[in-house]
């Protein structure tokens, strides 16, 4: 018996693109849900009106999070993707918070913060630099967006520390 394709996709880790926000991923999931849960990937850009440079990255992130699967040119919502599309904001964040283990550097940041509760902004920047050399400012902003959206971590008012939420 062959391995379930969704189980191998769920194990795949990716580097979170600096220009893909939670809105991009959720927009894709909600659009697929409104289109019946599946669409030929050739037509997905027309269906959801996403920028051509962002769409493939949003698909990769949604796939790494286990929200969609790509098979034979079709994008299909997984059971998790269907639950996310139908969930309220609190449940949505809980479901996605559990899925970030397949994304870097969110996984590393959360692991460190769970042990230490907070890190200095310099350490945060050094982690970001390791994953995004030369794109630290852009990546920092996006990671803080993801962290705040998922209620994982946030920067303090003085911009000196990142705190676990």
C-alpha atoms as a PDB file:
ATOM      1  CA  UNK A   1       0.000   0.000   0.000  1.00  0.00           C
ATOM      2  CA  UNK A   2       1.390   3.436  -0.883  1.00  0.00           C
ATOM      3  CA  UNK A   3       1.824   6.255   1.597  1.00  0.00           C
ATOM      4  CA  UNK A   4      -0.958   8.812   1.843  1.00  0.00           C
ATOM      5  CA  UNK A   5       0.253  11.859  -0.125  1.00  0.00           C
ATOM      6  CA  UNK A   6      -1.096  14.274   2.463  1.00  0.00           C
ATOM      7  CA  UNK A   7       0.986  12.676   5.216  1.00  0.00           C
ATOM      8  CA  UNK A   8       4.239  13.228   3.324  1.00  0.00           C
ATOM      9  CA  UNK A   9       3.257  16.822   2.544  1.00  0.00           C
ATOM     10  CA  UNK A  10       2.476  17.504   6.177  1.00  0.00           C
ATOM     11  CA  UNK A  11       6.051  16.538   7.121  1.00  0.00           C
ATOM     12  CA  UNK A  12       7.599  18.954   4.600  1.00  0.00           C
ATOM     13  CA  UNK A  13       9.212  22.012   6.245  1.00  0.00           C
ATOM     14  CA  UNK A  14       9.530  25.289   4.400  1.00  0.00           C
ATOM     15  CA  UNK A  15      11.101  28.664   4.905  1.00  0.00           C
ATOM     16  CA  UNK A  16       8.291  31.173   5.381  1.00  0.00           C
ATOM     17  CA  UNK A  17       8.559  33.634   2.458  1.00  0.00           C
ATOM     18  CA  UNK A  18       9.104  37.231   3.567  1.00  0.00           C
ATOM     19  CA  UNK A  19       6.201  38.474   1.448  1.00  0.00           C
ATOM     20  CA  UNK A  20       3.513  35.905   2.347  1.00  0.00           C
ATOM     21  CA  UNK A  21       1.229  37.010   5.164  1.00  0.00           C
ATOM     22  CA  UNK A  22      -1.528  35.119   6.959  1.00  0.00           C
ATOM     23  CA  UNK A  23      -4.007  37.016   4.770  1.00  0.00           C
ATOM     24  CA  UNK A  24      -2.529  35.498   1.611  1.00  0.00           C
ATOM     25  CA  UNK A  25      -2.793  31.960   2.954  1.00  0.00           C
ATOM     26  CA  UNK A  26      -6.264  32.416   4.449  1.00  0.00           C
ATOM     27  CA  UNK A  27      -7.495  34.113   1.274  1.00  0.00           C
ATOM     28  CA  UNK A  28      -6.388  31.103  -0.729  1.00  0.00           C
ATOM     29  CA  UNK A  29      -8.046  28.677   1.703  1.00  0.00           C
ATOM     30  CA  UNK A  30     -11.294  30.656   1.796  1.00  0.00           C
ATOM     31  CA  UNK A  31     -11.360  30.945  -1.996  1.00  0.00           C
ATOM     32  CA  UNK A  32     -10.839  27.208  -2.421  1.00  0.00           C
ATOM     33  CA  UNK A  33     -13.579  26.563   0.098  1.00  0.00           C
ATOM     34  CA  UNK A  34     -16.008  28.855  -1.737  1.00  0.00           C
ATOM     35  CA  UNK A  35     -15.133  27.092  -5.013  1.00  0.00           C
ATOM     36  CA  UNK A  36     -16.110  23.714  -3.603  1.00  0.00           C
ATOM     37  CA  UNK A  37     -12.771  22.757  -2.087  1.00  0.00           C
ATOM     38  CA  UNK A  38     -10.833  22.047  -5.272  1.00  0.00           C
ATOM     39  CA  UNK A  39      -9.637  23.855  -8.389  1.00  0.00           C
ATOM     40  CA  UNK A  40      -7.245  23.262 -11.260  1.00  0.00           C
ATOM     41  CA  UNK A  41      -4.087  25.101 -10.241  1.00  0.00           C
ATOM     42  CA  UNK A  42      -3.916  26.675 -13.695  1.00  0.00           C
ATOM     43  CA  UNK A  43      -7.046  28.712 -12.886  1.00  0.00           C
ATOM     44  CA  UNK A  44      -6.495  29.484  -9.220  1.00  0.00           C
ATOM     45  CA  UNK A  45      -4.897  32.890  -9.875  1.00  0.00           C
ATOM     46  CA  UNK A  46      -7.917  34.039 -11.893  1.00  0.00           C
ATOM     47  CA  UNK A  47     -10.300  32.707  -9.262  1.00  0.00           C
ATOM     48  CA  UNK A  48      -8.739  34.462  -6.287  1.00  0.00           C
ATOM     49  CA  UNK A  49      -7.173  37.542  -7.923  1.00  0.00           C
ATOM     50  CA  UNK A  50      -3.818  37.112  -6.190  1.00  0.00           C
ATOM     51  CA  UNK A  51      -0.589  38.597  -7.527  1.00  0.00           C
ATOM     52  CA  UNK A  52       1.257  36.144  -9.734  1.00  0.00           C
ATOM     53  CA  UNK A  53       4.486  36.502  -7.732  1.00  0.00           C
ATOM     54  CA  UNK A  54       2.755  35.786  -4.384  1.00  0.00           C
ATOM     55  CA  UNK A  55       0.383  32.974  -5.353  1.00  0.00           C
ATOM     56  CA  UNK A  56       2.914  30.115  -5.744  1.00  0.00           C
ATOM     57  CA  UNK A  57       4.483  31.023  -2.393  1.00  0.00           C
ATOM     58  CA  UNK A  58       1.075  31.207  -0.688  1.00  0.00           C
ATOM     59  CA  UNK A  59       0.288  27.766  -2.125  1.00  0.00           C
ATOM     60  CA  UNK A  60       3.584  26.395  -0.761  1.00  0.00           C
ATOM     61  CA  UNK A  61       2.874  27.818   2.709  1.00  0.00           C
ATOM     62  CA  UNK A  62      -0.722  26.531   2.719  1.00  0.00           C
ATOM     63  CA  UNK A  63       0.553  23.117   1.648  1.00  0.00           C
ATOM     64  CA  UNK A  64       3.290  23.073   4.320  1.00  0.00           C
ATOM     65  CA  UNK A  65       0.693  24.028   6.940  1.00  0.00           C
ATOM     66  CA  UNK A  66      -1.387  21.050   5.818  1.00  0.00           C
ATOM     67  CA  UNK A  67      -4.282  23.228   4.612  1.00  0.00           C
ATOM     68  CA  UNK A  68      -4.212  22.190   0.954  1.00  0.00           C
ATOM     69  CA  UNK A  69      -2.687  19.466  -1.139  1.00  0.00           C
ATOM     70  CA  UNK A  70      -1.585  19.625  -4.720  1.00  0.00           C
ATOM     71  CA  UNK A  71      -2.258  16.520  -6.792  1.00  0.00           C
ATOM     72  CA  UNK A  72      -2.145  16.116 -10.560  1.00  0.00           C
ATOM     73  CA  UNK A  73      -2.424  19.855 -11.147  1.00  0.00           C
ATOM     74  CA  UNK A  74      -5.331  20.382  -8.747  1.00  0.00           C
ATOM     75  CA  UNK A  75      -5.358  22.204  -5.438  1.00  0.00           C
ATOM     76  CA  UNK A  76      -7.645  20.596  -2.882  1.00  0.00           C
ATOM     77  CA  UNK A  77      -8.473  21.600   0.666  1.00  0.00           C
ATOM     78  CA  UNK A  78      -7.492  19.074   3.298  1.00  0.00           C
ATOM     79  CA  UNK A  79      -9.759  18.345   6.262  1.00  0.00           C
ATOM     80  CA  UNK A  80      -7.690  20.849   8.257  1.00  0.00           C
ATOM     81  CA  UNK A  81      -8.105  23.407   5.471  1.00  0.00           C
ATOM     82  CA  UNK A  82     -11.877  22.917   5.522  1.00  0.00           C
ATOM     83  CA  UNK A  83     -11.942  23.376   9.304  1.00  0.00           C
ATOM     84  CA  UNK A  84      -9.832  26.530   8.997  1.00  0.00           C
ATOM     85  CA  UNK A  85     -12.125  27.937   6.286  1.00  0.00           C
ATOM     86  CA  UNK A  86     -15.191  27.406   8.499  1.00  0.00           C
ATOM     87  CA  UNK A  87     -13.729  28.371  11.851  1.00  0.00           C
ATOM     88  CA  UNK A  88     -14.154  31.449  13.991  1.00  0.00           C
ATOM     89  CA  UNK A  89     -11.052  33.633  14.593  1.00  0.00           C
ATOM     90  CA  UNK A  90     -10.123  32.012  17.924  1.00  0.00           C
ATOM     91  CA  UNK A  91     -10.400  28.465  16.556  1.00  0.00           C
ATOM     92  CA  UNK A  92      -8.607  29.485  13.382  1.00  0.00           C
ATOM     93  CA  UNK A  93      -5.609  30.734  15.346  1.00  0.00           C
ATOM     94  CA  UNK A  94      -5.538  27.559  17.442  1.00  0.00           C
ATOM     95  CA  UNK A  95      -5.620  25.347  14.327  1.00  0.00           C
ATOM     96  CA  UNK A  96      -2.882  27.337  12.590  1.00  0.00           C
ATOM     97  CA  UNK A  97      -0.767  27.639  15.738  1.00  0.00           C
ATOM     98  CA  UNK A  98      -0.515  23.852  15.765  1.00  0.00           C
ATOM     99  CA  UNK A  99       0.470  23.778  12.079  1.00  0.00           C
ATOM    100  CA  UNK A 100       3.431  26.184  12.231  1.00  0.00           C
ATOM    101  CA  UNK A 101       5.778  23.366  13.241  1.00  0.00           C
ATOM    102  CA  UNK A 102       6.328  22.917   9.506  1.00  0.00           C
ATOM    103  CA  UNK A 103       7.610  26.465   8.944  1.00  0.00           C
ATOM    104  CA  UNK A 104      10.928  28.072   9.728  1.00  0.00           C
ATOM    105  CA  UNK A 105      11.931  30.314  11.401  1.00  0.00           C
ATOM    106  CA  UNK A 106       8.585  30.372  13.271  1.00  0.00           C
ATOM    107  CA  UNK A 107       9.347  26.936  14.710  1.00  0.00           C
ATOM    108  CA  UNK A 108      12.777  27.984  15.988  1.00  0.00           C
ATOM    109  CA  UNK A 109      11.457  31.250  17.444  1.00  0.00           C
ATOM    110  CA  UNK A 110       8.577  29.570  19.263  1.00  0.00           C
ATOM    111  CA  UNK A 111      10.840  26.813  20.586  1.00  0.00           C
ATOM    112  CA  UNK A 112      13.284  29.352  22.033  1.00  0.00           C
ATOM    113  CA  UNK A 113      10.497  31.512  23.452  1.00  0.00           C
ATOM    114  CA  UNK A 114       8.758  28.552  25.096  1.00  0.00           C
ATOM    115  CA  UNK A 115      11.955  27.881  27.050  1.00  0.00           C
ATOM    116  CA  UNK A 116      12.927  31.454  27.848  1.00  0.00           C
ATOM    117  CA  UNK A 117       9.628  33.437  27.616  1.00  0.00           C
ATOM    118  CA  UNK A 118      11.439  36.363  25.929  1.00  0.00           C
ATOM    119  CA  UNK A 119      14.477  37.182  23.813  1.00  0.00           C
ATOM    120  CA  UNK A 120      16.241  40.431  23.016  1.00  0.00           C
ATOM    121  CA  UNK A 121      15.610  42.083  19.687  1.00  0.00           C
ATOM    122  CA  UNK A 122      19.299  41.499  18.766  1.00  0.00           C
ATOM    123  CA  UNK A 123      18.864  37.732  19.164  1.00  0.00           C
ATOM    124  CA  UNK A 124      15.616  37.893  17.187  1.00  0.00           C
ATOM    125  CA  UNK A 125      17.436  39.756  14.403  1.00  0.00           C
ATOM    126  CA  UNK A 126      20.282  37.246  14.416  1.00  0.00           C
ATOM    127  CA  UNK A 127      17.808  34.352  13.995  1.00  0.00           C
ATOM    128  CA  UNK A 128      16.095  36.251  11.179  1.00  0.00           C
ATOM    129  CA  UNK A 129      19.464  37.003   9.526  1.00  0.00           C
ATOM    130  CA  UNK A 130      20.322  33.286   9.578  1.00  0.00           C
ATOM    131  CA  UNK A 131      17.225  32.487   7.501  1.00  0.00           C
ATOM    132  CA  UNK A 132      16.965  35.680   5.426  1.00  0.00           C
ATOM    133  CA  UNK A 133      20.433  37.108   4.797  1.00  0.00           C
ATOM    134  CA  UNK A 134      20.123  40.634   3.450  1.00  0.00           C
ATOM    135  CA  UNK A 135      16.353  40.800   3.995  1.00  0.00           C
ATOM    136  CA  UNK A 136      16.217  41.162   7.769  1.00  0.00           C
ATOM    137  CA  UNK A 137      13.954  44.231   8.017  1.00  0.00           C
ATOM    138  CA  UNK A 138      11.342  42.865   5.620  1.00  0.00           C
ATOM    139  CA  UNK A 139      11.466  39.408   7.233  1.00  0.00           C
ATOM    140  CA  UNK A 140      11.265  40.808  10.788  1.00  0.00           C
ATOM    141  CA  UNK A 141       8.068  42.662   9.971  1.00  0.00           C
ATOM    142  CA  UNK A 142       6.472  39.624   8.386  1.00  0.00           C
ATOM    143  CA  UNK A 143       7.481  37.282  11.220  1.00  0.00           C
ATOM    144  CA  UNK A 144       6.053  39.722  13.757  1.00  0.00           C
ATOM    145  CA  UNK A 145       2.814  39.792  11.738  1.00  0.00           C
ATOM    146  CA  UNK A 146       2.634  35.978  11.812  1.00  0.00           C
ATOM    147  CA  UNK A 147       3.580  35.852  15.498  1.00  0.00           C
ATOM    148  CA  UNK A 148       0.950  38.400  16.506  1.00  0.00           C
ATOM    149  CA  UNK A 149      -1.745  36.954  14.237  1.00  0.00           C
ATOM    150  CA  UNK A 150      -1.280  33.479  15.701  1.00  0.00           C
ATOM    151  CA  UNK A 151      -0.920  34.807  19.266  1.00  0.00           C
ATOM    152  CA  UNK A 152       2.542  33.257  19.473  1.00  0.00           C
ATOM    153  CA  UNK A 153       4.820  36.201  20.219  1.00  0.00           C
ATOM    154  CA  UNK A 154       5.019  39.971  19.993  1.00  0.00           C
ATOM    155  CA  UNK A 155       7.525  42.770  20.329  1.00  0.00           C
ATOM    156  CA  UNK A 156       7.328  44.880  23.489  1.00  0.00           C
ATOM    157  CA  UNK A 157       6.395  48.561  23.426  1.00  0.00           C
ATOM    158  CA  UNK A 158      10.048  49.634  23.613  1.00  0.00           C
ATOM    159  CA  UNK A 159      11.059  47.480  20.584  1.00  0.00           C
ATOM    160  CA  UNK A 160      13.689  45.803  22.762  1.00  0.00           C
ATOM    161  CA  UNK A 161      12.328  42.288  23.382  1.00  0.00           C
ATOM    162  CA  UNK A 162      10.175  39.630  21.778  1.00  0.00           C
ATOM    163  CA  UNK A 163       7.786  38.013  24.264  1.00  0.00           C
ATOM    164  CA  UNK A 164       5.916  34.731  24.168  1.00  0.00           C
ATOM    165  CA  UNK A 165       2.160  35.339  24.251  1.00  0.00           C
END
